[in-house]
N, C-alpha and C. Protein backbone atom coordinates (compact mmCIF):
# COMPACT_ATOMS: atom_id res chain seq x y z
N MET A 1 99.65 -2.01 110.08
CA MET A 1 98.78 -3.06 110.53
C MET A 1 99.00 -4.27 109.62
N PRO A 2 99.10 -5.47 110.21
CA PRO A 2 99.34 -6.66 109.39
C PRO A 2 98.14 -6.95 108.49
N PRO A 3 98.40 -7.66 107.39
CA PRO A 3 97.28 -7.99 106.50
C PRO A 3 96.28 -8.90 107.20
N ARG A 4 95.03 -8.82 106.76
CA ARG A 4 93.99 -9.66 107.34
C ARG A 4 94.23 -11.11 106.97
N SER A 5 93.83 -11.99 107.85
CA SER A 5 93.98 -13.42 107.62
C SER A 5 93.09 -13.86 106.46
N ALA A 6 93.59 -14.82 105.70
CA ALA A 6 92.81 -15.37 104.60
C ALA A 6 91.56 -16.07 105.13
N ILE A 7 91.59 -16.48 106.37
CA ILE A 7 90.43 -17.14 106.99
C ILE A 7 89.22 -16.22 106.97
N THR A 8 89.44 -14.91 107.06
CA THR A 8 88.32 -13.96 107.09
C THR A 8 87.58 -13.91 105.76
N THR A 9 88.18 -14.44 104.70
CA THR A 9 87.50 -14.44 103.39
C THR A 9 86.52 -15.59 103.25
N LEU A 10 86.56 -16.54 104.18
CA LEU A 10 85.67 -17.70 104.09
C LEU A 10 84.23 -17.29 104.39
N PRO A 11 83.27 -17.86 103.66
CA PRO A 11 81.87 -17.62 104.01
C PRO A 11 81.56 -18.23 105.38
N ASP A 12 80.55 -17.70 106.04
CA ASP A 12 80.23 -18.14 107.40
C ASP A 12 79.99 -19.64 107.50
N ASP A 13 79.26 -20.22 106.53
CA ASP A 13 78.96 -21.65 106.63
C ASP A 13 80.23 -22.48 106.51
N LEU A 14 81.15 -22.08 105.65
CA LEU A 14 82.42 -22.81 105.51
C LEU A 14 83.30 -22.60 106.74
N LEU A 15 83.28 -21.40 107.29
CA LEU A 15 84.04 -21.13 108.51
C LEU A 15 83.52 -21.99 109.66
N ASN A 16 82.20 -22.12 109.75
CA ASN A 16 81.62 -22.98 110.79
C ASN A 16 82.03 -24.43 110.59
N LEU A 17 82.05 -24.89 109.34
CA LEU A 17 82.51 -26.26 109.07
C LEU A 17 83.97 -26.43 109.47
N LEU A 18 84.80 -25.44 109.12
CA LEU A 18 86.22 -25.49 109.49
C LEU A 18 86.37 -25.53 111.00
N ASN A 19 85.63 -24.69 111.71
CA ASN A 19 85.71 -24.69 113.17
C ASN A 19 85.31 -26.04 113.74
N GLY A 20 84.26 -26.64 113.18
CA GLY A 20 83.84 -27.96 113.62
C GLY A 20 84.92 -29.01 113.38
N LYS A 21 85.55 -28.94 112.22
CA LYS A 21 86.63 -29.89 111.90
C LYS A 21 87.83 -29.68 112.83
N LEU A 22 88.13 -28.43 113.14
CA LEU A 22 89.23 -28.15 114.08
C LEU A 22 88.94 -28.76 115.44
N ILE A 23 87.72 -28.58 115.91
CA ILE A 23 87.34 -29.13 117.22
C ILE A 23 87.36 -30.65 117.18
N ASP A 24 86.77 -31.23 116.12
CA ASP A 24 86.73 -32.69 116.00
C ASP A 24 88.11 -33.31 115.94
N SER A 25 89.06 -32.59 115.32
CA SER A 25 90.42 -33.13 115.18
C SER A 25 91.28 -32.83 116.41
N GLY A 26 90.70 -32.17 117.39
CA GLY A 26 91.48 -31.83 118.58
C GLY A 26 92.53 -30.77 118.27
N PHE A 27 92.19 -29.88 117.34
CA PHE A 27 93.08 -28.80 116.93
C PHE A 27 94.41 -29.35 116.42
N SER A 28 94.30 -30.26 115.47
CA SER A 28 95.49 -30.84 114.83
C SER A 28 95.17 -31.04 113.35
N ASP A 29 96.11 -31.63 112.62
CA ASP A 29 95.97 -31.91 111.18
C ASP A 29 95.68 -30.63 110.38
N TYR A 30 96.47 -29.61 110.64
CA TYR A 30 96.29 -28.35 109.94
C TYR A 30 96.58 -28.47 108.45
N ALA A 31 97.54 -29.32 108.09
CA ALA A 31 97.84 -29.52 106.67
C ALA A 31 96.64 -30.16 105.98
N GLY A 32 96.01 -31.13 106.64
CA GLY A 32 94.83 -31.78 106.07
C GLY A 32 93.67 -30.80 105.92
N LEU A 33 93.51 -29.93 106.89
CA LEU A 33 92.44 -28.93 106.82
C LEU A 33 92.72 -27.90 105.73
N SER A 34 93.99 -27.56 105.54
CA SER A 34 94.36 -26.65 104.46
C SER A 34 94.05 -27.29 103.11
N ALA A 35 94.35 -28.60 102.98
CA ALA A 35 94.04 -29.32 101.75
C ALA A 35 92.53 -29.38 101.53
N TRP A 36 91.77 -29.61 102.59
CA TRP A 36 90.31 -29.66 102.49
C TRP A 36 89.77 -28.31 102.00
N LEU A 37 90.33 -27.21 102.54
CA LEU A 37 89.91 -25.88 102.09
C LEU A 37 90.24 -25.66 100.62
N SER A 38 91.38 -26.21 100.17
CA SER A 38 91.74 -26.12 98.75
C SER A 38 90.70 -26.83 97.90
N GLU A 39 90.23 -27.99 98.37
CA GLU A 39 89.18 -28.73 97.66
C GLU A 39 87.89 -27.92 97.58
N GLN A 40 87.68 -27.06 98.57
CA GLN A 40 86.49 -26.22 98.60
C GLN A 40 86.66 -24.96 97.75
N GLY A 41 87.86 -24.76 97.21
CA GLY A 41 88.11 -23.62 96.34
C GLY A 41 88.77 -22.44 97.02
N TYR A 42 89.34 -22.64 98.19
CA TYR A 42 89.99 -21.55 98.93
C TYR A 42 91.44 -21.95 99.21
N GLN A 43 92.37 -21.12 98.78
CA GLN A 43 93.79 -21.38 99.00
C GLN A 43 94.22 -20.72 100.30
N ILE A 44 94.20 -21.50 101.37
CA ILE A 44 94.57 -20.99 102.69
C ILE A 44 95.69 -21.86 103.22
N SER A 45 96.77 -21.22 103.63
CA SER A 45 97.96 -21.95 104.06
C SER A 45 97.73 -22.70 105.37
N ARG A 46 98.59 -23.68 105.59
CA ARG A 46 98.55 -24.45 106.83
C ARG A 46 98.77 -23.52 108.02
N SER A 47 99.69 -22.56 107.87
CA SER A 47 99.98 -21.66 108.99
C SER A 47 98.79 -20.75 109.31
N ALA A 48 98.04 -20.34 108.29
CA ALA A 48 96.85 -19.51 108.53
C ALA A 48 95.78 -20.33 109.26
N VAL A 49 95.63 -21.59 108.85
CA VAL A 49 94.67 -22.47 109.54
C VAL A 49 95.14 -22.70 110.97
N HIS A 50 96.46 -22.85 111.16
CA HIS A 50 97.00 -23.07 112.50
C HIS A 50 96.75 -21.85 113.39
N ARG A 51 97.00 -20.65 112.86
CA ARG A 51 96.75 -19.43 113.64
C ARG A 51 95.28 -19.33 114.04
N HIS A 52 94.41 -19.61 113.07
CA HIS A 52 92.97 -19.56 113.36
C HIS A 52 92.61 -20.62 114.40
N GLY A 53 93.15 -21.81 114.24
CA GLY A 53 92.88 -22.89 115.19
C GLY A 53 93.36 -22.54 116.59
N SER A 54 94.53 -21.93 116.68
CA SER A 54 95.07 -21.53 117.99
C SER A 54 94.18 -20.48 118.64
N GLU A 55 93.72 -19.51 117.85
CA GLU A 55 92.84 -18.47 118.38
C GLU A 55 91.50 -19.07 118.83
N LEU A 56 90.97 -19.99 118.02
CA LEU A 56 89.70 -20.63 118.37
C LEU A 56 89.85 -21.46 119.64
N GLN A 57 90.95 -22.20 119.72
CA GLN A 57 91.19 -23.04 120.90
C GLN A 57 91.33 -22.16 122.15
N ALA A 58 92.07 -21.06 122.03
CA ALA A 58 92.23 -20.16 123.18
C ALA A 58 90.89 -19.57 123.60
N ALA A 59 90.07 -19.18 122.62
CA ALA A 59 88.76 -18.62 122.93
C ALA A 59 87.87 -19.66 123.60
N MET A 60 87.93 -20.90 123.12
CA MET A 60 87.12 -21.96 123.72
C MET A 60 87.57 -22.25 125.14
N GLU A 61 88.88 -22.31 125.35
CA GLU A 61 89.40 -22.56 126.69
C GLU A 61 89.01 -21.44 127.65
N LYS A 62 89.05 -20.21 127.15
CA LYS A 62 88.66 -19.07 127.96
C LYS A 62 87.18 -19.18 128.34
N SER A 63 86.34 -19.55 127.37
CA SER A 63 84.91 -19.72 127.65
C SER A 63 84.66 -20.84 128.64
N ILE A 64 85.37 -21.94 128.48
CA ILE A 64 85.21 -23.08 129.39
C ILE A 64 85.64 -22.67 130.79
N ASN A 65 86.75 -21.96 130.90
CA ASN A 65 87.22 -21.51 132.22
C ASN A 65 86.22 -20.55 132.86
N ARG A 66 85.64 -19.67 132.06
CA ARG A 66 84.64 -18.75 132.60
C ARG A 66 83.41 -19.52 133.08
N ALA A 67 83.02 -20.53 132.32
CA ALA A 67 81.87 -21.34 132.73
C ALA A 67 82.17 -22.05 134.05
N ARG A 68 83.38 -22.58 134.18
CA ARG A 68 83.77 -23.23 135.43
C ARG A 68 83.74 -22.23 136.59
N GLU A 69 84.25 -21.02 136.33
CA GLU A 69 84.23 -19.99 137.37
C GLU A 69 82.80 -19.68 137.79
N ARG A 70 81.90 -19.59 136.81
CA ARG A 70 80.50 -19.29 137.13
C ARG A 70 79.87 -20.40 137.97
N VAL A 71 80.21 -21.65 137.64
CA VAL A 71 79.69 -22.77 138.42
C VAL A 71 80.22 -22.69 139.85
N GLU A 72 81.52 -22.39 140.00
CA GLU A 72 82.11 -22.28 141.34
C GLU A 72 81.49 -21.11 142.11
N ILE A 73 81.24 -20.02 141.41
CA ILE A 73 80.61 -18.86 142.06
C ILE A 73 79.20 -19.24 142.53
N ALA A 74 78.46 -19.93 141.68
CA ALA A 74 77.10 -20.34 142.05
C ALA A 74 77.13 -21.27 143.27
N LYS A 75 78.09 -22.18 143.29
CA LYS A 75 78.22 -23.08 144.44
C LYS A 75 78.56 -22.29 145.70
N ALA A 76 79.47 -21.34 145.56
CA ALA A 76 79.90 -20.54 146.71
C ALA A 76 78.76 -19.67 147.22
N MET A 77 77.93 -19.16 146.32
CA MET A 77 76.84 -18.28 146.73
C MET A 77 75.80 -19.02 147.56
N GLY A 78 75.69 -20.33 147.36
CA GLY A 78 74.70 -21.09 148.10
C GLY A 78 74.89 -20.99 149.60
N GLY A 79 76.13 -20.97 150.07
CA GLY A 79 76.40 -20.91 151.50
C GLY A 79 76.84 -19.55 151.99
N MET A 80 76.69 -18.53 151.18
CA MET A 80 77.16 -17.19 151.56
C MET A 80 76.13 -16.40 152.32
N SER A 81 76.64 -15.46 153.09
CA SER A 81 75.75 -14.49 153.74
C SER A 81 75.31 -13.49 152.69
N ASN A 82 74.31 -12.70 153.02
CA ASN A 82 73.83 -11.69 152.08
C ASN A 82 74.91 -10.66 151.76
N GLU A 83 75.74 -10.31 152.75
CA GLU A 83 76.83 -9.36 152.51
C GLU A 83 77.82 -9.94 151.51
N GLY A 84 78.13 -11.22 151.66
CA GLY A 84 79.05 -11.88 150.73
C GLY A 84 78.50 -11.93 149.33
N LYS A 85 77.20 -12.19 149.22
CA LYS A 85 76.56 -12.21 147.90
C LYS A 85 76.61 -10.83 147.25
N ALA A 86 76.38 -9.79 148.03
CA ALA A 86 76.43 -8.43 147.50
C ALA A 86 77.83 -8.10 146.99
N ALA A 87 78.84 -8.49 147.76
CA ALA A 87 80.22 -8.24 147.34
C ALA A 87 80.54 -9.02 146.07
N LEU A 88 80.05 -10.24 145.99
CA LEU A 88 80.30 -11.07 144.81
C LEU A 88 79.61 -10.48 143.58
N LEU A 89 78.39 -10.00 143.74
CA LEU A 89 77.69 -9.37 142.62
C LEU A 89 78.43 -8.13 142.14
N GLU A 90 78.92 -7.35 143.07
CA GLU A 90 79.68 -6.14 142.71
C GLU A 90 80.95 -6.51 141.95
N ALA A 91 81.64 -7.55 142.43
CA ALA A 91 82.86 -8.00 141.74
C ALA A 91 82.52 -8.53 140.35
N SER A 92 81.40 -9.24 140.23
CA SER A 92 80.98 -9.77 138.92
C SER A 92 80.70 -8.63 137.94
N GLU A 93 80.08 -7.57 138.42
CA GLU A 93 79.82 -6.41 137.57
C GLU A 93 81.13 -5.81 137.07
N MET A 94 82.12 -5.74 137.94
CA MET A 94 83.42 -5.18 137.54
C MET A 94 84.10 -6.07 136.50
N VAL A 95 83.99 -7.40 136.66
CA VAL A 95 84.57 -8.33 135.69
C VAL A 95 83.89 -8.15 134.34
N ALA A 96 82.56 -8.02 134.34
CA ALA A 96 81.83 -7.83 133.09
C ALA A 96 82.25 -6.54 132.39
N ILE A 97 82.40 -5.48 133.14
CA ILE A 97 82.85 -4.21 132.56
C ILE A 97 84.25 -4.36 131.98
N ASP A 98 85.12 -5.07 132.69
CA ASP A 98 86.47 -5.31 132.21
C ASP A 98 86.45 -6.08 130.89
N GLN A 99 85.58 -7.07 130.78
CA GLN A 99 85.48 -7.85 129.55
C GLN A 99 84.96 -7.00 128.40
N ILE A 100 84.02 -6.12 128.67
CA ILE A 100 83.52 -5.22 127.63
C ILE A 100 84.64 -4.30 127.16
N MET A 101 85.45 -3.83 128.09
CA MET A 101 86.58 -2.97 127.71
C MET A 101 87.56 -3.74 126.83
N ASP A 102 87.77 -5.03 127.12
CA ASP A 102 88.63 -5.86 126.28
C ASP A 102 88.09 -5.93 124.85
N VAL A 103 86.78 -6.10 124.71
CA VAL A 103 86.16 -6.15 123.38
C VAL A 103 86.34 -4.82 122.67
N LEU A 104 86.15 -3.72 123.39
CA LEU A 104 86.31 -2.40 122.78
C LEU A 104 87.74 -2.20 122.29
N GLU A 105 88.72 -2.65 123.07
CA GLU A 105 90.11 -2.54 122.64
C GLU A 105 90.37 -3.40 121.42
N GLU A 106 89.79 -4.58 121.39
CA GLU A 106 89.99 -5.50 120.27
C GLU A 106 89.37 -4.96 118.99
N MET A 107 88.36 -4.10 119.12
CA MET A 107 87.66 -3.56 117.95
C MET A 107 88.52 -2.61 117.13
N GLN A 108 89.69 -2.25 117.63
CA GLN A 108 90.55 -1.29 116.92
C GLN A 108 90.80 -1.73 115.47
N GLY A 109 90.99 -3.04 115.25
CA GLY A 109 91.31 -3.52 113.92
C GLY A 109 90.10 -3.95 113.11
N TRP A 110 88.91 -3.79 113.61
CA TRP A 110 87.71 -4.26 112.92
C TRP A 110 87.29 -3.27 111.84
N ASP A 111 86.59 -3.79 110.84
CA ASP A 111 86.07 -2.88 109.82
C ASP A 111 84.75 -2.27 110.33
N ALA A 112 84.29 -1.25 109.64
CA ALA A 112 83.14 -0.48 110.09
C ALA A 112 81.87 -1.32 110.23
N ALA A 113 81.65 -2.26 109.31
CA ALA A 113 80.44 -3.09 109.37
C ALA A 113 80.43 -3.96 110.62
N ASP A 114 81.58 -4.53 110.95
CA ASP A 114 81.66 -5.36 112.16
C ASP A 114 81.43 -4.52 113.41
N LYS A 115 82.02 -3.32 113.42
CA LYS A 115 81.82 -2.43 114.57
C LYS A 115 80.35 -2.05 114.71
N ALA A 116 79.72 -1.74 113.58
CA ALA A 116 78.31 -1.34 113.61
C ALA A 116 77.43 -2.46 114.14
N ALA A 117 77.83 -3.70 113.89
CA ALA A 117 77.03 -4.84 114.37
C ALA A 117 77.18 -5.06 115.86
N ILE A 118 78.37 -4.79 116.41
CA ILE A 118 78.63 -5.13 117.82
C ILE A 118 78.34 -3.98 118.78
N VAL A 119 78.46 -2.75 118.32
CA VAL A 119 78.31 -1.60 119.22
C VAL A 119 76.94 -1.58 119.92
N PRO A 120 75.82 -1.83 119.22
CA PRO A 120 74.53 -1.84 119.95
C PRO A 120 74.48 -2.92 121.03
N LYS A 121 75.10 -4.05 120.76
CA LYS A 121 75.12 -5.13 121.76
C LYS A 121 75.94 -4.72 122.98
N LEU A 122 77.07 -4.07 122.73
CA LEU A 122 77.89 -3.59 123.84
C LEU A 122 77.14 -2.52 124.64
N GLY A 123 76.44 -1.65 123.93
CA GLY A 123 75.65 -0.62 124.61
C GLY A 123 74.59 -1.24 125.51
N ARG A 124 73.93 -2.26 125.01
CA ARG A 124 72.91 -2.95 125.82
C ARG A 124 73.56 -3.62 127.03
N ALA A 125 74.72 -4.25 126.81
CA ALA A 125 75.41 -4.92 127.93
C ALA A 125 75.79 -3.90 129.00
N ILE A 126 76.29 -2.75 128.57
CA ILE A 126 76.67 -1.71 129.53
C ILE A 126 75.43 -1.22 130.28
N ALA A 127 74.32 -1.03 129.57
CA ALA A 127 73.08 -0.59 130.22
C ALA A 127 72.60 -1.64 131.22
N ASP A 128 72.68 -2.92 130.84
CA ASP A 128 72.27 -3.99 131.75
C ASP A 128 73.13 -4.01 133.01
N ILE A 129 74.43 -3.82 132.83
CA ILE A 129 75.32 -3.79 133.98
C ILE A 129 74.99 -2.59 134.87
N GLY A 130 74.69 -1.46 134.24
CA GLY A 130 74.31 -0.27 135.02
C GLY A 130 73.06 -0.52 135.84
N ARG A 131 72.05 -1.14 135.21
CA ARG A 131 70.82 -1.46 135.96
C ARG A 131 71.12 -2.44 137.09
N SER A 132 71.97 -3.40 136.82
CA SER A 132 72.34 -4.37 137.85
C SER A 132 73.05 -3.68 139.01
N ALA A 133 73.95 -2.76 138.68
CA ALA A 133 74.69 -2.04 139.73
C ALA A 133 73.74 -1.19 140.57
N ILE A 134 72.78 -0.55 139.91
CA ILE A 134 71.80 0.26 140.65
C ILE A 134 70.97 -0.64 141.56
N GLY A 135 70.53 -1.77 141.02
CA GLY A 135 69.76 -2.72 141.83
C GLY A 135 70.56 -3.25 143.00
N SER A 136 71.83 -3.56 142.75
CA SER A 136 72.70 -4.06 143.83
C SER A 136 72.89 -3.00 144.91
N ALA A 137 73.10 -1.75 144.48
CA ALA A 137 73.29 -0.67 145.45
C ALA A 137 72.02 -0.46 146.28
N LYS A 138 70.87 -0.51 145.61
CA LYS A 138 69.59 -0.34 146.32
C LYS A 138 69.40 -1.49 147.31
N TRP A 139 69.66 -2.71 146.86
CA TRP A 139 69.50 -3.88 147.73
C TRP A 139 70.45 -3.78 148.92
N LYS A 140 71.70 -3.38 148.66
CA LYS A 140 72.69 -3.26 149.74
C LYS A 140 72.24 -2.22 150.77
N LYS A 141 71.74 -1.08 150.28
CA LYS A 141 71.28 -0.02 151.18
C LYS A 141 70.11 -0.51 152.03
N GLU A 142 69.16 -1.19 151.39
CA GLU A 142 68.01 -1.73 152.13
C GLU A 142 68.46 -2.78 153.15
N PHE A 143 69.39 -3.62 152.74
CA PHE A 143 69.89 -4.67 153.64
C PHE A 143 70.57 -4.05 154.85
N GLU A 144 71.42 -3.03 154.61
CA GLU A 144 72.12 -2.38 155.71
C GLU A 144 71.14 -1.66 156.64
N ALA A 145 70.11 -1.03 156.08
CA ALA A 145 69.11 -0.34 156.90
C ALA A 145 68.35 -1.35 157.76
N GLU A 146 68.00 -2.49 157.18
CA GLU A 146 67.29 -3.53 157.93
C GLU A 146 68.18 -4.11 159.02
N ALA A 147 69.45 -4.32 158.71
CA ALA A 147 70.38 -4.85 159.72
C ALA A 147 70.54 -3.86 160.87
N LYS A 148 70.62 -2.57 160.55
CA LYS A 148 70.74 -1.54 161.59
C LYS A 148 69.48 -1.49 162.44
N ARG A 149 68.31 -1.55 161.78
CA ARG A 149 67.04 -1.53 162.51
C ARG A 149 66.94 -2.73 163.44
N GLN A 150 67.36 -3.88 162.93
CA GLN A 150 67.31 -5.10 163.74
C GLN A 150 68.25 -5.01 164.94
N ALA A 151 69.45 -4.46 164.73
CA ALA A 151 70.41 -4.31 165.83
C ALA A 151 69.87 -3.34 166.88
N LEU A 152 69.26 -2.25 166.43
CA LEU A 152 68.66 -1.30 167.38
C LEU A 152 67.52 -1.94 168.16
N GLU A 153 66.70 -2.72 167.48
CA GLU A 153 65.59 -3.41 168.15
C GLU A 153 66.12 -4.35 169.22
N GLU A 154 67.16 -5.10 168.88
CA GLU A 154 67.75 -6.02 169.86
C GLU A 154 68.35 -5.26 171.04
N ALA A 155 69.01 -4.13 170.74
CA ALA A 155 69.59 -3.31 171.81
C ALA A 155 68.49 -2.74 172.70
N ALA A 156 67.40 -2.30 172.07
CA ALA A 156 66.28 -1.74 172.84
C ALA A 156 65.65 -2.81 173.73
N GLN A 157 65.50 -4.01 173.20
CA GLN A 157 64.93 -5.10 174.00
C GLN A 157 65.85 -5.45 175.17
N ALA A 158 67.15 -5.51 174.91
CA ALA A 158 68.10 -5.83 175.97
C ALA A 158 68.11 -4.72 177.03
N ALA A 159 68.09 -3.46 176.58
CA ALA A 159 68.08 -2.33 177.52
C ALA A 159 66.79 -2.32 178.33
N SER A 160 65.67 -2.60 177.66
CA SER A 160 64.38 -2.64 178.37
C SER A 160 64.38 -3.73 179.42
N ALA A 161 64.86 -4.90 179.07
CA ALA A 161 64.89 -6.02 180.02
C ALA A 161 65.79 -5.70 181.20
N ALA A 162 66.95 -5.10 180.93
CA ALA A 162 67.88 -4.75 182.00
C ALA A 162 67.29 -3.66 182.89
N ALA A 163 66.63 -2.68 182.27
CA ALA A 163 66.03 -1.59 183.04
C ALA A 163 64.91 -2.11 183.93
N LYS A 164 64.07 -3.00 183.40
CA LYS A 164 62.98 -3.58 184.19
C LYS A 164 63.54 -4.39 185.35
N ALA A 165 64.62 -5.11 185.10
CA ALA A 165 65.24 -5.92 186.16
C ALA A 165 65.78 -5.03 187.28
N GLU A 166 66.15 -3.80 186.95
CA GLU A 166 66.67 -2.87 187.95
C GLU A 166 65.56 -2.03 188.58
N GLY A 167 64.32 -2.28 188.16
CA GLY A 167 63.19 -1.59 188.77
C GLY A 167 62.80 -0.29 188.10
N VAL A 168 63.23 -0.03 186.88
CA VAL A 168 62.85 1.19 186.17
C VAL A 168 61.38 1.04 185.75
N SER A 169 60.65 2.14 185.86
CA SER A 169 59.22 2.11 185.52
C SER A 169 59.02 1.91 184.02
N GLU A 170 57.77 1.60 183.66
CA GLU A 170 57.42 1.44 182.24
C GLU A 170 57.67 2.73 181.47
N ALA A 171 57.40 3.87 182.09
CA ALA A 171 57.64 5.17 181.44
C ALA A 171 59.13 5.36 181.19
N GLY A 172 59.95 4.95 182.14
CA GLY A 172 61.40 5.06 181.97
C GLY A 172 61.90 4.14 180.87
N VAL A 173 61.33 2.94 180.79
CA VAL A 173 61.70 1.99 179.72
C VAL A 173 61.29 2.56 178.37
N ALA A 174 60.11 3.20 178.31
CA ALA A 174 59.64 3.81 177.06
C ALA A 174 60.59 4.91 176.62
N ARG A 175 61.10 5.72 177.58
CA ARG A 175 62.05 6.78 177.24
C ARG A 175 63.36 6.20 176.73
N ILE A 176 63.79 5.09 177.30
CA ILE A 176 65.03 4.43 176.83
C ILE A 176 64.85 3.97 175.38
N ARG A 177 63.70 3.36 175.11
CA ARG A 177 63.44 2.89 173.74
C ARG A 177 63.37 4.07 172.77
N GLU A 178 62.76 5.19 173.21
CA GLU A 178 62.71 6.39 172.37
C GLU A 178 64.10 6.91 172.08
N ALA A 179 64.96 6.92 173.10
CA ALA A 179 66.33 7.42 172.92
C ALA A 179 67.10 6.56 171.92
N LEU A 180 66.77 5.28 171.88
CA LEU A 180 67.41 4.38 170.92
C LEU A 180 66.75 4.43 169.55
N GLY A 181 65.69 5.24 169.45
CA GLY A 181 65.03 5.37 168.15
C GLY A 181 63.99 4.31 167.90
N MET A 182 63.55 3.64 168.93
CA MET A 182 62.56 2.57 168.79
C MET A 182 61.25 3.04 169.43
N ALA A 183 60.13 2.64 168.84
CA ALA A 183 58.82 2.98 169.40
C ALA A 183 58.62 2.22 170.70
N ALA A 184 57.85 2.80 171.59
CA ALA A 184 57.62 2.19 172.90
C ALA A 184 56.84 0.90 172.82
């Protein structure tokens, strides 16, 4: 396993300042940032700052792209049918699970303290996704049952109207509705 980056030795407040400077500089001037870190008492090479900056930039771009996707999904959901929304929710759950799996794979190189801090959060995320999936499945089942009931009601009304037009008695119409599973 490669040695850990010198960036990981920075205290959190200094790392946050470095990240802010990287963002403010548009992810450039790595030599200047390395010199600034030297002034702060940390000897970190330009290439280490560059690697960290590249990783930070990639993570930010990924977050921005995800935010854009969420906005597009929200816009799309506005005009969707309930079936489309259910499918989208199911797909979103799968994406979330996939992202959690990515984090779990990335944890291979983490030290025990970092793992101990993130594992409860991942457990909660997995539980939340499970509850969401159960809720989605329940909603989908209820939606399908209501759609089926509505279709049967419409069929019963159409059959009743057609039967009455052909002169079938009220008792005969009631039997037709019963056969379709609808109350008279």
